[in-house]
């Protein structure tokens, strides 16, 4: 959840999750195990607008994998 460009958004998420802020992976695991907190985290993540970048990165990785496989097969 750390990105220097999202400092204000992270602070808002921390306030929304009080009294249990996210500081460690254990905190994140606990927050996502609780349906109410998980909903808060998901809404925050969607509001950041960063998911399209993640999906795009996955598509690029898949294309690269496919191209490498084709090169190995001599296509």
N, C-alpha and C. Protein backbone atom coordinates (compact mmCIF):
# COMPACT_ATOMS: atom_id res chain seq x y z
N UNK A 1 0.80 -1.19 0.00
CA UNK A 1 0.00 0.00 0.00
C UNK A 1 0.85 1.26 0.00
N UNK A 2 2.16 1.11 -0.05
CA UNK A 2 3.01 2.29 0.02
C UNK A 2 3.35 2.79 -1.38
N UNK A 3 3.07 4.05 -1.59
CA UNK A 3 3.46 4.76 -2.80
C UNK A 3 3.62 6.21 -2.39
N UNK A 4 4.79 6.81 -2.68
CA UNK A 4 4.99 8.19 -2.24
C UNK A 4 3.97 9.16 -2.81
N UNK A 5 3.37 8.82 -3.94
CA UNK A 5 2.38 9.70 -4.55
C UNK A 5 1.03 9.63 -3.85
N UNK A 6 0.85 8.67 -2.97
CA UNK A 6 -0.45 8.46 -2.32
C UNK A 6 -0.44 8.78 -0.83
N UNK A 7 0.44 9.67 -0.40
CA UNK A 7 0.55 9.96 1.03
C UNK A 7 -0.77 10.42 1.63
N UNK A 8 -1.44 11.36 0.99
CA UNK A 8 -2.70 11.87 1.52
C UNK A 8 -3.75 10.76 1.55
N UNK A 9 -3.82 9.98 0.50
CA UNK A 9 -4.79 8.89 0.45
C UNK A 9 -4.51 7.85 1.53
N UNK A 10 -3.22 7.54 1.76
CA UNK A 10 -2.86 6.59 2.81
C UNK A 10 -3.29 7.10 4.18
N UNK A 11 -3.09 8.39 4.41
CA UNK A 11 -3.50 8.98 5.69
C UNK A 11 -5.01 8.87 5.87
N UNK A 12 -5.76 9.08 4.80
CA UNK A 12 -7.22 8.94 4.87
C UNK A 12 -7.60 7.50 5.18
N UNK A 13 -6.91 6.55 4.57
CA UNK A 13 -7.19 5.13 4.85
C UNK A 13 -6.88 4.82 6.31
N UNK A 14 -5.75 5.31 6.80
CA UNK A 14 -5.39 5.06 8.20
C UNK A 14 -6.47 5.61 9.15
N UNK A 15 -6.96 6.81 8.85
CA UNK A 15 -8.03 7.39 9.69
C UNK A 15 -9.30 6.54 9.62
N UNK A 16 -9.62 6.05 8.43
CA UNK A 16 -10.83 5.24 8.26
C UNK A 16 -10.73 3.92 9.01
N UNK A 17 -9.52 3.42 9.20
CA UNK A 17 -9.34 2.12 9.86
C UNK A 17 -9.04 2.23 11.35
N UNK A 18 -9.01 3.46 11.88
CA UNK A 18 -8.75 3.62 13.32
C UNK A 18 -9.75 2.81 14.12
N UNK A 19 -9.37 2.19 15.19
CA UNK A 19 -8.10 2.30 15.91
C UNK A 19 -7.06 1.27 15.47
N UNK A 20 -7.21 0.66 14.31
CA UNK A 20 -6.28 -0.38 13.86
C UNK A 20 -5.61 0.01 12.54
N UNK A 21 -4.64 0.91 12.59
CA UNK A 21 -3.99 1.34 11.34
C UNK A 21 -3.18 0.21 10.70
N UNK A 22 -2.94 0.34 9.42
CA UNK A 22 -2.14 -0.64 8.69
C UNK A 22 -0.67 -0.23 8.75
N UNK A 23 0.10 -1.01 9.48
CA UNK A 23 1.54 -0.73 9.55
C UNK A 23 2.36 -1.93 9.09
N UNK A 24 1.80 -3.12 9.23
CA UNK A 24 2.54 -4.34 8.90
C UNK A 24 1.67 -5.23 8.03
N UNK A 25 2.28 -6.28 7.49
CA UNK A 25 1.48 -7.24 6.72
C UNK A 25 0.49 -7.95 7.63
N UNK A 26 0.83 -8.11 8.89
CA UNK A 26 -0.11 -8.72 9.85
C UNK A 26 -1.34 -7.83 10.02
N UNK A 27 -1.12 -6.51 10.09
CA UNK A 27 -2.24 -5.57 10.17
C UNK A 27 -3.13 -5.68 8.94
N UNK A 28 -2.49 -5.78 7.77
CA UNK A 28 -3.24 -5.89 6.52
C UNK A 28 -4.05 -7.18 6.50
N UNK A 29 -3.44 -8.28 6.94
CA UNK A 29 -4.14 -9.56 6.99
C UNK A 29 -5.36 -9.47 7.90
N UNK A 30 -5.18 -8.87 9.06
CA UNK A 30 -6.30 -8.73 10.01
C UNK A 30 -7.39 -7.85 9.43
N UNK A 31 -7.00 -6.75 8.79
CA UNK A 31 -8.00 -5.82 8.22
C UNK A 31 -8.79 -6.48 7.11
N UNK A 32 -8.13 -7.25 6.26
CA UNK A 32 -8.84 -7.86 5.14
C UNK A 32 -9.64 -9.09 5.57
N UNK A 33 -9.38 -9.60 6.77
CA UNK A 33 -10.18 -10.71 7.29
C UNK A 33 -11.51 -10.23 7.86
N UNK A 34 -11.58 -8.97 8.22
CA UNK A 34 -12.80 -8.36 8.76
C UNK A 34 -13.59 -7.75 7.60
N UNK A 35 -14.82 -8.22 7.33
CA UNK A 35 -15.56 -7.72 6.17
C UNK A 35 -15.71 -6.20 6.12
N UNK A 36 -15.95 -5.57 7.25
CA UNK A 36 -16.13 -4.11 7.24
C UNK A 36 -14.82 -3.41 6.87
N UNK A 37 -13.73 -3.84 7.48
CA UNK A 37 -12.42 -3.23 7.17
C UNK A 37 -12.00 -3.57 5.75
N UNK A 38 -12.25 -4.79 5.33
CA UNK A 38 -11.88 -5.19 3.96
C UNK A 38 -12.60 -4.31 2.95
N UNK A 39 -13.86 -4.02 3.21
CA UNK A 39 -14.62 -3.14 2.31
C UNK A 39 -14.00 -1.75 2.25
N UNK A 40 -13.55 -1.26 3.39
CA UNK A 40 -12.89 0.05 3.43
C UNK A 40 -11.61 0.03 2.61
N UNK A 41 -10.82 -1.03 2.76
CA UNK A 41 -9.56 -1.15 2.02
C UNK A 41 -9.83 -1.25 0.52
N UNK A 42 -10.82 -2.04 0.13
CA UNK A 42 -11.14 -2.20 -1.29
C UNK A 42 -11.64 -0.89 -1.89
N UNK A 43 -12.53 -0.20 -1.19
CA UNK A 43 -13.01 1.09 -1.70
C UNK A 43 -11.85 2.08 -1.85
N UNK A 44 -10.94 2.08 -0.88
CA UNK A 44 -9.77 2.96 -0.96
C UNK A 44 -8.92 2.61 -2.17
N UNK A 45 -8.65 1.32 -2.34
CA UNK A 45 -7.81 0.90 -3.45
C UNK A 45 -8.44 1.27 -4.79
N UNK A 46 -9.72 1.05 -4.93
CA UNK A 46 -10.41 1.42 -6.18
C UNK A 46 -10.37 2.93 -6.39
N UNK A 47 -10.51 3.69 -5.31
CA UNK A 47 -10.50 5.15 -5.43
C UNK A 47 -9.14 5.69 -5.84
N UNK A 48 -8.06 4.94 -5.59
CA UNK A 48 -6.73 5.42 -5.99
C UNK A 48 -6.57 5.42 -7.50
N UNK A 49 -7.38 4.62 -8.19
CA UNK A 49 -7.26 4.55 -9.64
C UNK A 49 -6.04 3.78 -10.11
N UNK A 50 -5.39 3.05 -9.22
CA UNK A 50 -4.16 2.33 -9.57
C UNK A 50 -4.40 0.95 -10.16
N UNK A 51 -5.59 0.41 -10.04
CA UNK A 51 -5.84 -0.93 -10.56
C UNK A 51 -5.67 -1.02 -12.08
N UNK A 52 -6.06 -0.02 -12.86
CA UNK A 52 -5.81 -0.14 -14.30
C UNK A 52 -4.32 -0.30 -14.61
N UNK A 53 -3.47 0.35 -13.85
CA UNK A 53 -2.03 0.20 -14.06
C UNK A 53 -1.60 -1.23 -13.76
N UNK A 54 -2.15 -1.82 -12.72
CA UNK A 54 -1.81 -3.20 -12.38
C UNK A 54 -2.27 -4.15 -13.47
N UNK A 55 -3.50 -3.97 -13.94
CA UNK A 55 -4.01 -4.83 -15.01
C UNK A 55 -3.16 -4.68 -16.27
N UNK A 56 -2.77 -3.46 -16.57
CA UNK A 56 -1.94 -3.22 -17.75
C UNK A 56 -0.59 -3.93 -17.59
N UNK A 57 -0.01 -3.85 -16.43
CA UNK A 57 1.27 -4.52 -16.18
C UNK A 57 1.13 -6.03 -16.34
N UNK A 58 0.01 -6.58 -15.88
CA UNK A 58 -0.22 -8.02 -16.04
C UNK A 58 -0.36 -8.39 -17.51
N UNK A 59 -1.05 -7.55 -18.28
CA UNK A 59 -1.18 -7.80 -19.72
C UNK A 59 0.18 -7.77 -20.40
N UNK A 60 1.00 -6.78 -20.07
CA UNK A 60 2.33 -6.69 -20.67
C UNK A 60 3.18 -7.90 -20.30
N UNK A 61 3.08 -8.35 -19.06
CA UNK A 61 3.84 -9.52 -18.64
C UNK A 61 3.38 -10.76 -19.40
N UNK A 62 2.07 -10.90 -19.61
CA UNK A 62 1.55 -12.04 -20.36
C UNK A 62 2.02 -12.00 -21.81
N UNK A 63 2.01 -10.81 -22.41
CA UNK A 63 2.49 -10.66 -23.79
C UNK A 63 3.96 -11.04 -23.87
N UNK A 64 4.74 -10.56 -22.92
CA UNK A 64 6.17 -10.87 -22.91
C UNK A 64 6.39 -12.37 -22.76
N UNK A 65 5.64 -13.02 -21.87
CA UNK A 65 5.75 -14.46 -21.69
C UNK A 65 5.42 -15.19 -22.99
N UNK A 66 4.36 -14.75 -23.66
CA UNK A 66 3.95 -15.38 -24.91
C UNK A 66 5.04 -15.22 -25.97
N UNK A 67 5.60 -14.02 -26.08
CA UNK A 67 6.65 -13.78 -27.06
C UNK A 67 7.88 -14.64 -26.77
N UNK A 68 8.23 -14.79 -25.50
CA UNK A 68 9.37 -15.62 -25.14
C UNK A 68 9.11 -17.09 -25.48
N UNK A 69 7.89 -17.57 -25.23
CA UNK A 69 7.54 -18.94 -25.58
C UNK A 69 7.62 -19.16 -27.08
N UNK A 70 7.13 -18.19 -27.85
CA UNK A 70 7.18 -18.30 -29.30
C UNK A 70 8.62 -18.31 -29.80
N UNK A 71 9.48 -17.51 -29.20
CA UNK A 71 10.89 -17.50 -29.58
C UNK A 71 11.54 -18.85 -29.29
N UNK A 72 11.19 -19.43 -28.14
CA UNK A 72 11.75 -20.73 -27.77
C UNK A 72 11.30 -21.82 -28.74
N UNK A 73 10.09 -21.71 -29.26
CA UNK A 73 9.58 -22.70 -30.20
C UNK A 73 9.98 -22.38 -31.63
N UNK A 74 10.62 -21.24 -31.83
CA UNK A 74 11.09 -20.86 -33.16
C UNK A 74 10.00 -20.32 -34.06
N UNK A 75 8.97 -19.71 -33.49
CA UNK A 75 7.88 -19.14 -34.30
C UNK A 75 8.15 -17.74 -34.72
